[in-house]
Amino acid sequence: MTIQRFETGPRMSQAVVHGNTVYLAGVVAGKAAGKSVTEQTQDILSIIDGHLAKAGTDKSKLLSATIYITDMKTFGEMNAVWDAWVSAGNTPARATVEAKLAAPQYNVEIMVIAAK
């Protein structure tokens, strides 16, 4: 079975496809870095949409999601954006964890696995 990698760098690939499964690396905000949790989550989900499209799938085929937030007090704010984005009736298995992220301008990081 072949393995396809997208946006591969020396440390990681943004997306890896093995068979009919798509694995995304953790995604942080690009344009919205340093902004509100709402803006960061919107930015991240847009980036995820792009990675999934490149890999030949979309959010309706999500299998699991792991969400890291720096402060659990922002859980509701992040969820408001997530709930508006996620495909109704196709919600993935999900975990949300409070964690310190790689840089202080990031308040949210999301990693997903999807079927093709």
PDB file of N, CA and C in Angstrom:
ATOM      1  N   MET A   1       0.860  -1.178   0.000  1.00  0.00           N
ATOM      2  CA  MET A   1       0.000   0.000   0.000  1.00  0.00           C
ATOM      3  C   MET A   1       0.900   1.233   0.000  1.00  0.00           C
ATOM      4  N   THR A   2       0.593   2.192  -0.848  1.00  0.00           N
ATOM      5  CA  THR A   2       1.434   3.380  -0.959  1.00  0.00           C
ATOM      6  C   THR A   2       1.133   4.386   0.139  1.00  0.00           C
ATOM      7  N   ILE A   3       2.122   5.222   0.400  1.00  0.00           N
ATOM      8  CA  ILE A   3       1.982   6.332   1.347  1.00  0.00           C
ATOM      9  C   ILE A   3       2.233   7.605   0.561  1.00  0.00           C
ATOM     10  N   GLN A   4       1.311   8.539   0.682  1.00  0.00           N
ATOM     11  CA  GLN A   4       1.416   9.840   0.018  1.00  0.00           C
ATOM     12  C   GLN A   4       1.603  10.900   1.093  1.00  0.00           C
ATOM     13  N   ARG A   5       2.531  11.825   0.877  1.00  0.00           N
ATOM     14  CA  ARG A   5       2.784  12.892   1.851  1.00  0.00           C
ATOM     15  C   ARG A   5       2.618  14.248   1.167  1.00  0.00           C
ATOM     16  N   PHE A   6       2.030  15.194   1.895  1.00  0.00           N
ATOM     17  CA  PHE A   6       1.803  16.547   1.377  1.00  0.00           C
ATOM     18  C   PHE A   6       2.504  17.551   2.278  1.00  0.00           C
ATOM     19  N   GLU A   7       3.078  18.573   1.642  1.00  0.00           N
ATOM     20  CA  GLU A   7       3.784  19.633   2.365  1.00  0.00           C
ATOM     21  C   GLU A   7       4.777  19.032   3.359  1.00  0.00           C
ATOM     22  N   THR A   8       5.679  18.244   2.792  1.00  0.00           N
ATOM     23  CA  THR A   8       6.673  17.536   3.589  1.00  0.00           C
ATOM     24  C   THR A   8       7.882  18.420   3.850  1.00  0.00           C
ATOM     25  N   GLY A   9       8.302  18.460   5.086  1.00  0.00           N
ATOM     26  CA  GLY A   9       9.490  19.202   5.480  1.00  0.00           C
ATOM     27  C   GLY A   9      10.460  18.277   6.198  1.00  0.00           C
ATOM     28  N   PRO A  10      11.523  18.815   6.734  1.00  0.00           N
ATOM     29  CA  PRO A  10      12.523  17.989   7.405  1.00  0.00           C
ATOM     30  C   PRO A  10      12.021  17.368   8.715  1.00  0.00           C
ATOM     31  N   ARG A  11      11.003  17.975   9.319  1.00  0.00           N
ATOM     32  CA  ARG A  11      10.507  17.496  10.602  1.00  0.00           C
ATOM     33  C   ARG A  11       9.196  16.732  10.491  1.00  0.00           C
ATOM     34  N   MET A  12       8.349  17.126   9.552  1.00  0.00           N
ATOM     35  CA  MET A  12       7.011  16.531   9.474  1.00  0.00           C
ATOM     36  C   MET A  12       6.354  16.830   8.146  1.00  0.00           C
ATOM     37  N   SER A  13       5.270  16.118   7.883  1.00  0.00           N
ATOM     38  CA  SER A  13       4.411  16.380   6.732  1.00  0.00           C
ATOM     39  C   SER A  13       3.092  16.924   7.264  1.00  0.00           C
ATOM     40  N   GLN A  14       2.480  17.832   6.539  1.00  0.00           N
ATOM     41  CA  GLN A  14       1.194  18.379   6.972  1.00  0.00           C
ATOM     42  C   GLN A  14       0.078  17.363   6.849  1.00  0.00           C
ATOM     43  N   ALA A  15       0.182  16.488   5.846  1.00  0.00           N
ATOM     44  CA  ALA A  15      -0.823  15.442   5.650  1.00  0.00           C
ATOM     45  C   ALA A  15      -0.131  14.189   5.133  1.00  0.00           C
ATOM     46  N   VAL A  16      -0.611  13.045   5.614  1.00  0.00           N
ATOM     47  CA  VAL A  16      -0.118  11.749   5.148  1.00  0.00           C
ATOM     48  C   VAL A  16      -1.333  10.896   4.823  1.00  0.00           C
ATOM     49  N   VAL A  17      -1.314  10.301   3.629  1.00  0.00           N
ATOM     50  CA  VAL A  17      -2.405   9.414   3.211  1.00  0.00           C
ATOM     51  C   VAL A  17      -1.846   8.003   3.122  1.00  0.00           C
ATOM     52  N   HIS A  18      -2.490   7.095   3.833  1.00  0.00           N
ATOM     53  CA  HIS A  18      -2.132   5.676   3.779  1.00  0.00           C
ATOM     54  C   HIS A  18      -3.416   4.908   3.521  1.00  0.00           C
ATOM     55  N   GLY A  19      -3.498   4.280   2.368  1.00  0.00           N
ATOM     56  CA  GLY A  19      -4.741   3.608   2.004  1.00  0.00           C
ATOM     57  C   GLY A  19      -5.853   4.629   1.872  1.00  0.00           C
ATOM     58  N   ASN A  20      -6.928   4.407   2.595  1.00  0.00           N
ATOM     59  CA  ASN A  20      -8.065   5.330   2.562  1.00  0.00           C
ATOM     60  C   ASN A  20      -8.157   6.179   3.822  1.00  0.00           C
ATOM     61  N   THR A  21      -7.019   6.353   4.500  1.00  0.00           N
ATOM     62  CA  THR A  21      -7.001   7.152   5.728  1.00  0.00           C
ATOM     63  C   THR A  21      -6.067   8.337   5.547  1.00  0.00           C
ATOM     64  N   VAL A  22      -6.534   9.509   5.975  1.00  0.00           N
ATOM     65  CA  VAL A  22      -5.770  10.751   5.878  1.00  0.00           C
ATOM     66  C   VAL A  22      -5.461  11.227   7.290  1.00  0.00           C
ATOM     67  N   TYR A  23      -4.183  11.434   7.567  1.00  0.00           N
ATOM     68  CA  TYR A  23      -3.724  11.906   8.869  1.00  0.00           C
ATOM     69  C   TYR A  23      -3.181  13.322   8.702  1.00  0.00           C
ATOM     70  N   LEU A  24      -3.707  14.265   9.464  1.00  0.00           N
ATOM     71  CA  LEU A  24      -3.180  15.627   9.424  1.00  0.00           C
ATOM     72  C   LEU A  24      -2.314  15.872  10.645  1.00  0.00           C
ATOM     73  N   ALA A  25      -1.247  16.630  10.451  1.00  0.00           N
ATOM     74  CA  ALA A  25      -0.444  17.094  11.572  1.00  0.00           C
ATOM     75  C   ALA A  25      -1.278  18.099  12.360  1.00  0.00           C
ATOM     76  N   GLY A  26      -0.846  18.417  13.553  1.00  0.00           N
ATOM     77  CA  GLY A  26      -1.516  19.463  14.315  1.00  0.00           C
ATOM     78  C   GLY A  26      -1.458  20.771  13.543  1.00  0.00           C
ATOM     79  N   VAL A  27      -2.576  21.460  13.471  1.00  0.00           N
ATOM     80  CA  VAL A  27      -2.677  22.708  12.717  1.00  0.00           C
ATOM     81  C   VAL A  27      -2.882  23.864  13.693  1.00  0.00           C
ATOM     82  N   VAL A  28      -2.063  24.893  13.561  1.00  0.00           N
ATOM     83  CA  VAL A  28      -2.227  26.122  14.337  1.00  0.00           C
ATOM     84  C   VAL A  28      -2.588  27.248  13.377  1.00  0.00           C
ATOM     85  N   ALA A  29      -3.034  28.350  13.938  1.00  0.00           N
ATOM     86  CA  ALA A  29      -3.446  29.495  13.124  1.00  0.00           C
ATOM     87  C   ALA A  29      -2.265  30.057  12.346  1.00  0.00           C
ATOM     88  N   GLY A  30      -2.534  30.453  11.121  1.00  0.00           N
ATOM     89  CA  GLY A  30      -1.534  31.134  10.307  1.00  0.00           C
ATOM     90  C   GLY A  30      -1.765  32.629  10.391  1.00  0.00           C
ATOM     91  N   LYS A  31      -2.788  33.094   9.704  1.00  0.00           N
ATOM     92  CA  LYS A  31      -3.117  34.522   9.666  1.00  0.00           C
ATOM     93  C   LYS A  31      -3.615  35.044  11.010  1.00  0.00           C
ATOM     94  N   ALA A  32      -4.235  34.175  11.812  1.00  0.00           N
ATOM     95  CA  ALA A  32      -4.848  34.614  13.070  1.00  0.00           C
ATOM     96  C   ALA A  32      -3.973  34.370  14.302  1.00  0.00           C
ATOM     97  N   ALA A  33      -2.713  34.027  14.105  1.00  0.00           N
ATOM     98  CA  ALA A  33      -1.820  33.819  15.248  1.00  0.00           C
ATOM     99  C   ALA A  33      -1.814  35.071  16.126  1.00  0.00           C
ATOM    100  N   GLY A  34      -1.953  34.882  17.421  1.00  0.00           N
ATOM    101  CA  GLY A  34      -1.975  36.007  18.354  1.00  0.00           C
ATOM    102  C   GLY A  34      -3.334  36.647  18.531  1.00  0.00           C
ATOM    103  N   LYS A  35      -4.318  36.218  17.760  1.00  0.00           N
ATOM    104  CA  LYS A  35      -5.667  36.784  17.858  1.00  0.00           C
ATOM    105  C   LYS A  35      -6.534  35.937  18.782  1.00  0.00           C
ATOM    106  N   SER A  36      -7.816  36.187  18.816  1.00  0.00           N
ATOM    107  CA  SER A  36      -8.734  35.496  19.726  1.00  0.00           C
ATOM    108  C   SER A  36      -8.846  34.008  19.406  1.00  0.00           C
ATOM    109  N   VAL A  37      -9.343  33.254  20.369  1.00  0.00           N
ATOM    110  CA  VAL A  37      -9.577  31.826  20.164  1.00  0.00           C
ATOM    111  C   VAL A  37     -10.575  31.622  19.028  1.00  0.00           C
ATOM    112  N   THR A  38     -11.588  32.462  18.942  1.00  0.00           N
ATOM    113  CA  THR A  38     -12.553  32.370  17.842  1.00  0.00           C
ATOM    114  C   THR A  38     -11.856  32.510  16.502  1.00  0.00           C
ATOM    115  N   GLU A  39     -11.047  33.558  16.346  1.00  0.00           N
ATOM    116  CA  GLU A  39     -10.366  33.802  15.074  1.00  0.00           C
ATOM    117  C   GLU A  39      -9.353  32.697  14.760  1.00  0.00           C
ATOM    118  N   GLN A  40      -8.625  32.242  15.782  1.00  0.00           N
ATOM    119  CA  GLN A  40      -7.659  31.172  15.553  1.00  0.00           C
ATOM    120  C   GLN A  40      -8.367  29.891  15.128  1.00  0.00           C
ATOM    121  N   THR A  41      -9.459  29.560  15.790  1.00  0.00           N
ATOM    122  CA  THR A  41     -10.185  28.333  15.444  1.00  0.00           C
ATOM    123  C   THR A  41     -10.729  28.419  14.022  1.00  0.00           C
ATOM    124  N   GLN A  42     -11.288  29.560  13.635  1.00  0.00           N
ATOM    125  CA  GLN A  42     -11.782  29.734  12.260  1.00  0.00           C
ATOM    126  C   GLN A  42     -10.652  29.548  11.253  1.00  0.00           C
ATOM    127  N   ASP A  43      -9.505  30.147  11.526  1.00  0.00           N
ATOM    128  CA  ASP A  43      -8.350  30.052  10.643  1.00  0.00           C
ATOM    129  C   ASP A  43      -7.888  28.594  10.528  1.00  0.00           C
ATOM    130  N   ILE A  44      -7.778  27.921  11.658  1.00  0.00           N
ATOM    131  CA  ILE A  44      -7.335  26.526  11.679  1.00  0.00           C
ATOM    132  C   ILE A  44      -8.284  25.639  10.881  1.00  0.00           C
ATOM    133  N   LEU A  45      -9.572  25.803  11.081  1.00  0.00           N
ATOM    134  CA  LEU A  45     -10.537  24.956  10.378  1.00  0.00           C
ATOM    135  C   LEU A  45     -10.509  25.200   8.875  1.00  0.00           C
ATOM    136  N   SER A  46     -10.241  26.420   8.480  1.00  0.00           N
ATOM    137  CA  SER A  46     -10.084  26.732   7.056  1.00  0.00           C
ATOM    138  C   SER A  46      -8.846  26.030   6.494  1.00  0.00           C
ATOM    139  N   ILE A  47      -7.768  26.045   7.251  1.00  0.00           N
ATOM    140  CA  ILE A  47      -6.541  25.356   6.838  1.00  0.00           C
ATOM    141  C   ILE A  47      -6.800  23.851   6.739  1.00  0.00           C
ATOM    142  N   ILE A  48      -7.511  23.301   7.719  1.00  0.00           N
ATOM    143  CA  ILE A  48      -7.843  21.873   7.695  1.00  0.00           C
ATOM    144  C   ILE A  48      -8.661  21.540   6.452  1.00  0.00           C
ATOM    145  N   ASP A  49      -9.646  22.374   6.117  1.00  0.00           N
ATOM    146  CA  ASP A  49     -10.431  22.157   4.900  1.00  0.00           C
ATOM    147  C   ASP A  49      -9.508  22.048   3.681  1.00  0.00           C
ATOM    148  N   GLY A  50      -8.523  22.923   3.597  1.00  0.00           N
ATOM    149  CA  GLY A  50      -7.581  22.914   2.478  1.00  0.00           C
ATOM    150  C   GLY A  50      -6.736  21.654   2.427  1.00  0.00           C
ATOM    151  N   HIS A  51      -6.214  21.238   3.580  1.00  0.00           N
ATOM    152  CA  HIS A  51      -5.399  20.015   3.631  1.00  0.00           C
ATOM    153  C   HIS A  51      -6.235  18.791   3.260  1.00  0.00           C
ATOM    154  N   LEU A  52      -7.446  18.724   3.775  1.00  0.00           N
ATOM    155  CA  LEU A  52      -8.310  17.587   3.455  1.00  0.00           C
ATOM    156  C   LEU A  52      -8.619  17.545   1.958  1.00  0.00           C
ATOM    157  N   ALA A  53      -8.890  18.700   1.361  1.00  0.00           N
ATOM    158  CA  ALA A  53      -9.176  18.756  -0.075  1.00  0.00           C
ATOM    159  C   ALA A  53      -7.978  18.264  -0.886  1.00  0.00           C
ATOM    160  N   LYS A  54      -6.762  18.699  -0.519  1.00  0.00           N
ATOM    161  CA  LYS A  54      -5.559  18.242  -1.221  1.00  0.00           C
ATOM    162  C   LYS A  54      -5.411  16.729  -1.142  1.00  0.00           C
ATOM    163  N   ALA A  55      -5.851  16.157  -0.037  1.00  0.00           N
ATOM    164  CA  ALA A  55      -5.731  14.714   0.181  1.00  0.00           C
ATOM    165  C   ALA A  55      -6.915  13.942  -0.402  1.00  0.00           C
ATOM    166  N   GLY A  56      -7.883  14.655  -0.979  1.00  0.00           N
ATOM    167  CA  GLY A  56      -9.004  13.992  -1.633  1.00  0.00           C
ATOM    168  C   GLY A  56     -10.167  13.639  -0.727  1.00  0.00           C
ATOM    169  N   THR A  57     -10.358  14.415   0.323  1.00  0.00           N
ATOM    170  CA  THR A  57     -11.480  14.157   1.230  1.00  0.00           C
ATOM    171  C   THR A  57     -12.022  15.481   1.765  1.00  0.00           C
ATOM    172  N   ASP A  58     -12.902  15.412   2.757  1.00  0.00           N
ATOM    173  CA  ASP A  58     -13.463  16.624   3.346  1.00  0.00           C
ATOM    174  C   ASP A  58     -13.925  16.344   4.779  1.00  0.00           C
ATOM    175  N   LYS A  59     -14.401  17.379   5.441  1.00  0.00           N
ATOM    176  CA  LYS A  59     -14.769  17.278   6.857  1.00  0.00           C
ATOM    177  C   LYS A  59     -15.924  16.317   7.127  1.00  0.00           C
ATOM    178  N   SER A  60     -16.698  15.965   6.125  1.00  0.00           N
ATOM    179  CA  SER A  60     -17.798  15.015   6.344  1.00  0.00           C
ATOM    180  C   SER A  60     -17.274  13.601   6.590  1.00  0.00           C
ATOM    181  N   LYS A  61     -15.990  13.393   6.341  1.00  0.00           N
ATOM    182  CA  LYS A  61     -15.388  12.075   6.517  1.00  0.00           C
ATOM    183  C   LYS A  61     -14.418  12.024   7.693  1.00  0.00           C
ATOM    184  N   LEU A  62     -14.513  13.001   8.598  1.00  0.00           N
ATOM    185  CA  LEU A  62     -13.639  12.985   9.780  1.00  0.00           C
ATOM    186  C   LEU A  62     -13.913  11.747  10.626  1.00  0.00           C
ATOM    187  N   LEU A  63     -12.844  11.129  11.095  1.00  0.00           N
ATOM    188  CA  LEU A  63     -12.949   9.980  11.980  1.00  0.00           C
ATOM    189  C   LEU A  63     -12.670  10.379  13.424  1.00  0.00           C
ATOM    190  N   SER A  64     -11.635  11.203  13.615  1.00  0.00           N
ATOM    191  CA  SER A  64     -11.299  11.655  14.967  1.00  0.00           C
ATOM    192  C   SER A  64     -10.662  13.032  14.923  1.00  0.00           C
ATOM    193  N   ALA A  65     -10.735  13.715  16.048  1.00  0.00           N
ATOM    194  CA  ALA A  65     -10.122  15.031  16.194  1.00  0.00           C
ATOM    195  C   ALA A  65      -9.558  15.145  17.599  1.00  0.00           C
ATOM    196  N   THR A  66      -8.376  15.732  17.688  1.00  0.00           N
ATOM    197  CA  THR A  66      -7.789  16.068  18.978  1.00  0.00           C
ATOM    198  C   THR A  66      -7.556  17.568  18.964  1.00  0.00           C
ATOM    199  N   ILE A  67      -8.106  18.242  19.964  1.00  0.00           N
ATOM    200  CA  ILE A  67      -8.024  19.693  20.044  1.00  0.00           C
ATOM    201  C   ILE A  67      -7.254  20.062  21.300  1.00  0.00           C
ATOM    202  N   TYR A  68      -6.251  20.901  21.125  1.00  0.00           N
ATOM    203  CA  TYR A  68      -5.454  21.394  22.239  1.00  0.00           C
ATOM    204  C   TYR A  68      -5.761  22.874  22.405  1.00  0.00           C
ATOM    205  N   ILE A  69      -6.118  23.279  23.615  1.00  0.00           N
ATOM    206  CA  ILE A  69      -6.337  24.699  23.900  1.00  0.00           C
ATOM    207  C   ILE A  69      -5.501  25.067  25.127  1.00  0.00           C
ATOM    208  N   THR A  70      -5.032  26.301  25.156  1.00  0.00           N
ATOM    209  CA  THR A  70      -4.147  26.701  26.241  1.00  0.00           C
ATOM    210  C   THR A  70      -4.884  27.029  27.530  1.00  0.00           C
ATOM    211  N   ASP A  71      -6.184  27.267  27.441  1.00  0.00           N
ATOM    212  CA  ASP A  71      -6.966  27.598  28.634  1.00  0.00           C
ATOM    213  C   ASP A  71      -8.372  27.023  28.480  1.00  0.00           C
ATOM    214  N   MET A  72      -8.725  26.094  29.354  1.00  0.00           N
ATOM    215  CA  MET A  72     -10.028  25.435  29.260  1.00  0.00           C
ATOM    216  C   MET A  72     -11.181  26.432  29.423  1.00  0.00           C
ATOM    217  N   LYS A  73     -10.901  27.632  29.906  1.00  0.00           N
ATOM    218  CA  LYS A  73     -11.940  28.667  30.001  1.00  0.00           C
ATOM    219  C   LYS A  73     -12.420  29.090  28.611  1.00  0.00           C
ATOM    220  N   THR A  74     -11.628  28.809  27.573  1.00  0.00           N
ATOM    221  CA  THR A  74     -12.003  29.178  26.202  1.00  0.00           C
ATOM    222  C   THR A  74     -12.678  28.026  25.462  1.00  0.00           C
ATOM    223  N   PHE A  75     -12.978  26.946  26.176  1.00  0.00           N
ATOM    224  CA  PHE A  75     -13.607  25.763  25.580  1.00  0.00           C
ATOM    225  C   PHE A  75     -14.897  26.130  24.846  1.00  0.00           C
ATOM    226  N   GLY A  76     -15.759  26.908  25.457  1.00  0.00           N
ATOM    227  CA  GLY A  76     -17.023  27.309  24.836  1.00  0.00           C
ATOM    228  C   GLY A  76     -16.823  28.152  23.591  1.00  0.00           C
ATOM    229  N   GLU A  77     -15.858  29.053  23.637  1.00  0.00           N
ATOM    230  CA  GLU A  77     -15.550  29.915  22.496  1.00  0.00           C
ATOM    231  C   GLU A  77     -15.075  29.083  21.302  1.00  0.00           C
ATOM    232  N   MET A  78     -14.175  28.136  21.569  1.00  0.00           N
ATOM    233  CA  MET A  78     -13.681  27.257  20.514  1.00  0.00           C
ATOM    234  C   MET A  78     -14.819  26.384  19.982  1.00  0.00           C
ATOM    235  N   ASN A  79     -15.632  25.838  20.898  1.00  0.00           N
ATOM    236  CA  ASN A  79     -16.735  24.960  20.490  1.00  0.00           C
ATOM    237  C   ASN A  79     -17.764  25.667  19.622  1.00  0.00           C
ATOM    238  N   ALA A  80     -18.006  26.938  19.862  1.00  0.00           N
ATOM    239  CA  ALA A  80     -18.974  27.684  19.050  1.00  0.00           C
ATOM    240  C   ALA A  80     -18.548  27.667  17.585  1.00  0.00           C
ATOM    241  N   VAL A  81     -17.252  27.842  17.344  1.00  0.00           N
ATOM    242  CA  VAL A  81     -16.738  27.824  15.964  1.00  0.00           C
ATOM    243  C   VAL A  81     -16.757  26.398  15.424  1.00  0.00           C
ATOM    244  N   TRP A  82     -16.293  25.451  16.228  1.00  0.00           N
ATOM    245  CA  TRP A  82     -16.276  24.040  15.815  1.00  0.00           C
ATOM    246  C   TRP A  82     -17.682  23.569  15.436  1.00  0.00           C
ATOM    247  N   ASP A  83     -18.661  23.854  16.296  1.00  0.00           N
ATOM    248  CA  ASP A  83     -20.030  23.388  16.070  1.00  0.00           C
ATOM    249  C   ASP A  83     -20.625  23.946  14.779  1.00  0.00           C
ATOM    250  N   ALA A  84     -20.266  25.180  14.431  1.00  0.00           N
ATOM    251  CA  ALA A  84     -20.760  25.781  13.191  1.00  0.00           C
ATOM    252  C   ALA A  84     -20.070  25.181  11.961  1.00  0.00           C
ATOM    253  N   TRP A  85     -18.874  24.641  12.147  1.00  0.00           N
ATOM    254  CA  TRP A  85     -18.073  24.114  11.031  1.00  0.00           C
ATOM    255  C   TRP A  85     -18.289  22.624  10.772  1.00  0.00           C
ATOM    256  N   VAL A  86     -18.346  21.842  11.824  1.00  0.00           N
ATOM    257  CA  VAL A  86     -18.361  20.384  11.682  1.00  0.00           C
ATOM    258  C   VAL A  86     -19.598  19.928  10.910  1.00  0.00           C
ATOM    259  N   SER A  87     -19.448  18.863  10.144  1.00  0.00           N
ATOM    260  CA  SER A  87     -20.529  18.350   9.312  1.00  0.00           C
ATOM    261  C   SER A  87     -21.590  17.658  10.175  1.00  0.00           C
ATOM    262  N   ALA A  88     -22.795  18.213  10.192  1.00  0.00           N
ATOM    263  CA  ALA A  88     -23.889  17.657  11.001  1.00  0.00           C
ATOM    264  C   ALA A  88     -24.131  16.200  10.640  1.00  0.00           C
ATOM    265  N   GLY A  89     -24.251  15.366  11.652  1.00  0.00           N
ATOM    266  CA  GLY A  89     -24.475  13.944  11.440  1.00  0.00           C
ATOM    267  C   GLY A  89     -23.218  13.156  11.134  1.00  0.00           C
ATOM    268  N   ASN A  90     -22.090  13.858  10.977  1.00  0.00           N
ATOM    269  CA  ASN A  90     -20.812  13.210  10.664  1.00  0.00           C
ATOM    270  C   ASN A  90     -19.730  13.612  11.653  1.00  0.00           C
ATOM    271  N   THR A  91     -20.127  13.889  12.878  1.00  0.00           N
ATOM    272  CA  THR A  91     -19.156  14.346  13.867  1.00  0.00           C
ATOM    273  C   THR A  91     -18.178  13.229  14.218  1.00  0.00           C
ATOM    274  N   PRO A  92     -16.900  13.575  14.372  1.00  0.00           N
ATOM    275  CA  PRO A  92     -15.880  12.569  14.668  1.00  0.00           C
ATOM    276  C   PRO A  92     -15.808  12.257  16.160  1.00  0.00           C
ATOM    277  N   ALA A  93     -15.105  11.186  16.491  1.00  0.00           N
ATOM    278  CA  ALA A  93     -14.692  10.977  17.877  1.00  0.00           C
ATOM    279  C   ALA A  93     -13.754  12.147  18.185  1.00  0.00           C
ATOM    280  N   ARG A  94     -13.803  12.679  19.418  1.00  0.00           N
ATOM    281  CA  ARG A  94     -13.038  13.897  19.685  1.00  0.00           C
ATOM    282  C   ARG A  94     -12.571  13.963  21.119  1.00  0.00           C
ATOM    283  N   ALA A  95     -11.405  14.550  21.312  1.00  0.00           N
ATOM    284  CA  ALA A  95     -10.895  14.851  22.643  1.00  0.00           C
ATOM    285  C   ALA A  95     -10.417  16.294  22.628  1.00  0.00           C
ATOM    286  N   THR A  96     -10.601  16.988  23.747  1.00  0.00           N
ATOM    287  CA  THR A  96     -10.075  18.340  23.904  1.00  0.00           C
ATOM    288  C   THR A  96      -9.227  18.355  25.163  1.00  0.00           C
ATOM    289  N   VAL A  97      -8.013  18.879  25.023  1.00  0.00           N
ATOM    290  CA  VAL A  97      -7.037  18.852  26.098  1.00  0.00           C
ATOM    291  C   VAL A  97      -6.492  20.258  26.327  1.00  0.00           C
ATOM    292  N   GLU A  98      -6.332  20.634  27.582  1.00  0.00           N
ATOM    293  CA  GLU A  98      -5.644  21.885  27.890  1.00  0.00           C
ATOM    294  C   GLU A  98      -4.152  21.600  27.887  1.00  0.00           C
ATOM    295  N   ALA A  99      -3.396  22.394  27.127  1.00  0.00           N
ATOM    296  CA  ALA A  99      -1.962  22.161  27.002  1.00  0.00           C
ATOM    297  C   ALA A  99      -1.235  23.451  26.655  1.00  0.00           C
ATOM    298  N   LYS A 100       0.019  23.524  27.041  1.00  0.00           N
ATOM    299  CA  LYS A 100       0.876  24.612  26.611  1.00  0.00           C
ATOM    300  C   LYS A 100       1.309  24.285  25.188  1.00  0.00           C
ATOM    301  N   LEU A 101       1.178  25.239  24.276  1.00  0.00           N
ATOM    302  CA  LEU A 101       1.520  24.999  22.874  1.00  0.00           C
ATOM    303  C   LEU A 101       2.935  25.502  22.567  1.00  0.00           C
ATOM    304  N   ALA A 102       3.396  25.257  21.368  1.00  0.00           N
ATOM    305  CA  ALA A 102       4.785  25.507  20.982  1.00  0.00           C
ATOM    306  C   ALA A 102       5.220  26.972  21.069  1.00  0.00           C
ATOM    307  N   ALA A 103       4.308  27.899  20.884  1.00  0.00           N
ATOM    308  CA  ALA A 103       4.637  29.325  20.922  1.00  0.00           C
ATOM    309  C   ALA A 103       3.480  30.091  21.556  1.00  0.00           C
ATOM    310  N   PRO A 104       3.767  31.181  22.243  1.00  0.00           N
ATOM    311  CA  PRO A 104       2.726  31.892  22.989  1.00  0.00           C
ATOM    312  C   PRO A 104       1.623  32.522  22.145  1.00  0.00           C
ATOM    313  N   GLN A 105       1.845  32.732  20.850  1.00  0.00           N
ATOM    314  CA  GLN A 105       0.796  33.328  20.007  1.00  0.00           C
ATOM    315  C   GLN A 105      -0.274  32.321  19.615  1.00  0.00           C
ATOM    316  N   TYR A 106      -0.061  31.050  19.941  1.00  0.00           N
ATOM    317  CA  TYR A 106      -1.032  30.014  19.613  1.00  0.00           C
ATOM    318  C   TYR A 106      -1.845  29.628  20.842  1.00  0.00           C
ATOM    319  N   ASN A 107      -3.169  29.669  20.687  1.00  0.00           N
ATOM    320  CA  ASN A 107      -4.075  29.278  21.770  1.00  0.00           C
ATOM    321  C   ASN A 107      -4.860  28.018  21.437  1.00  0.00           C
ATOM    322  N   VAL A 108      -4.800  27.588  20.179  1.00  0.00           N
ATOM    323  CA  VAL A 108      -5.546  26.421  19.722  1.00  0.00           C
ATOM    324  C   VAL A 108      -4.678  25.653  18.720  1.00  0.00           C
ATOM    325  N   GLU A 109      -4.724  24.331  18.804  1.00  0.00           N
ATOM    326  CA  GLU A 109      -4.119  23.463  17.807  1.00  0.00           C
ATOM    327  C   GLU A 109      -5.058  22.289  17.604  1.00  0.00           C
ATOM    328  N   ILE A 110      -5.301  21.931  16.355  1.00  0.00           N
ATOM    329  CA  ILE A 110      -6.247  20.853  16.060  1.00  0.00           C
ATOM    330  C   ILE A 110      -5.581  19.858  15.121  1.00  0.00           C
ATOM    331  N   MET A 111      -5.764  18.576  15.439  1.00  0.00           N
ATOM    332  CA  MET A 111      -5.238  17.479  14.633  1.00  0.00           C
ATOM    333  C   MET A 111      -6.409  16.551  14.306  1.00  0.00           C
ATOM    334  N   VAL A 112      -6.540  16.166  13.040  1.00  0.00           N
ATOM    335  CA  VAL A 112      -7.652  15.294  12.647  1.00  0.00           C
ATOM    336  C   VAL A 112      -7.172  14.104  11.821  1.00  0.00           C
ATOM    337  N   ILE A 113      -7.988  13.076  11.825  1.00  0.00           N
ATOM    338  CA  ILE A 113      -7.836  11.911  10.965  1.00  0.00           C
ATOM    339  C   ILE A 113      -9.146  11.765  10.213  1.00  0.00           C
ATOM    340  N   ALA A 114      -9.052  11.495   8.909  1.00  0.00           N
ATOM    341  CA  ALA A 114     -10.270  11.368   8.080  1.00  0.00           C
ATOM    342  C   ALA A 114     -10.153  10.171   7.148  1.00  0.00           C
ATOM    343  N   ALA A 115     -11.297   9.676   6.717  1.00  0.00           N
ATOM    344  CA  ALA A 115     -11.353   8.646   5.679  1.00  0.00           C
ATOM    345  C   ALA A 115     -11.372   9.355   4.331  1.00  0.00           C
ATOM    346  N   LYS A 116     -11.030   8.631   3.285  1.00  0.00           N
ATOM    347  CA  LYS A 116     -11.113   9.204   1.933  1.00  0.00           C
ATOM    348  C   LYS A 116     -12.484   8.949   1.360  1.00  0.00           C
TER     349      LYS A 116
END
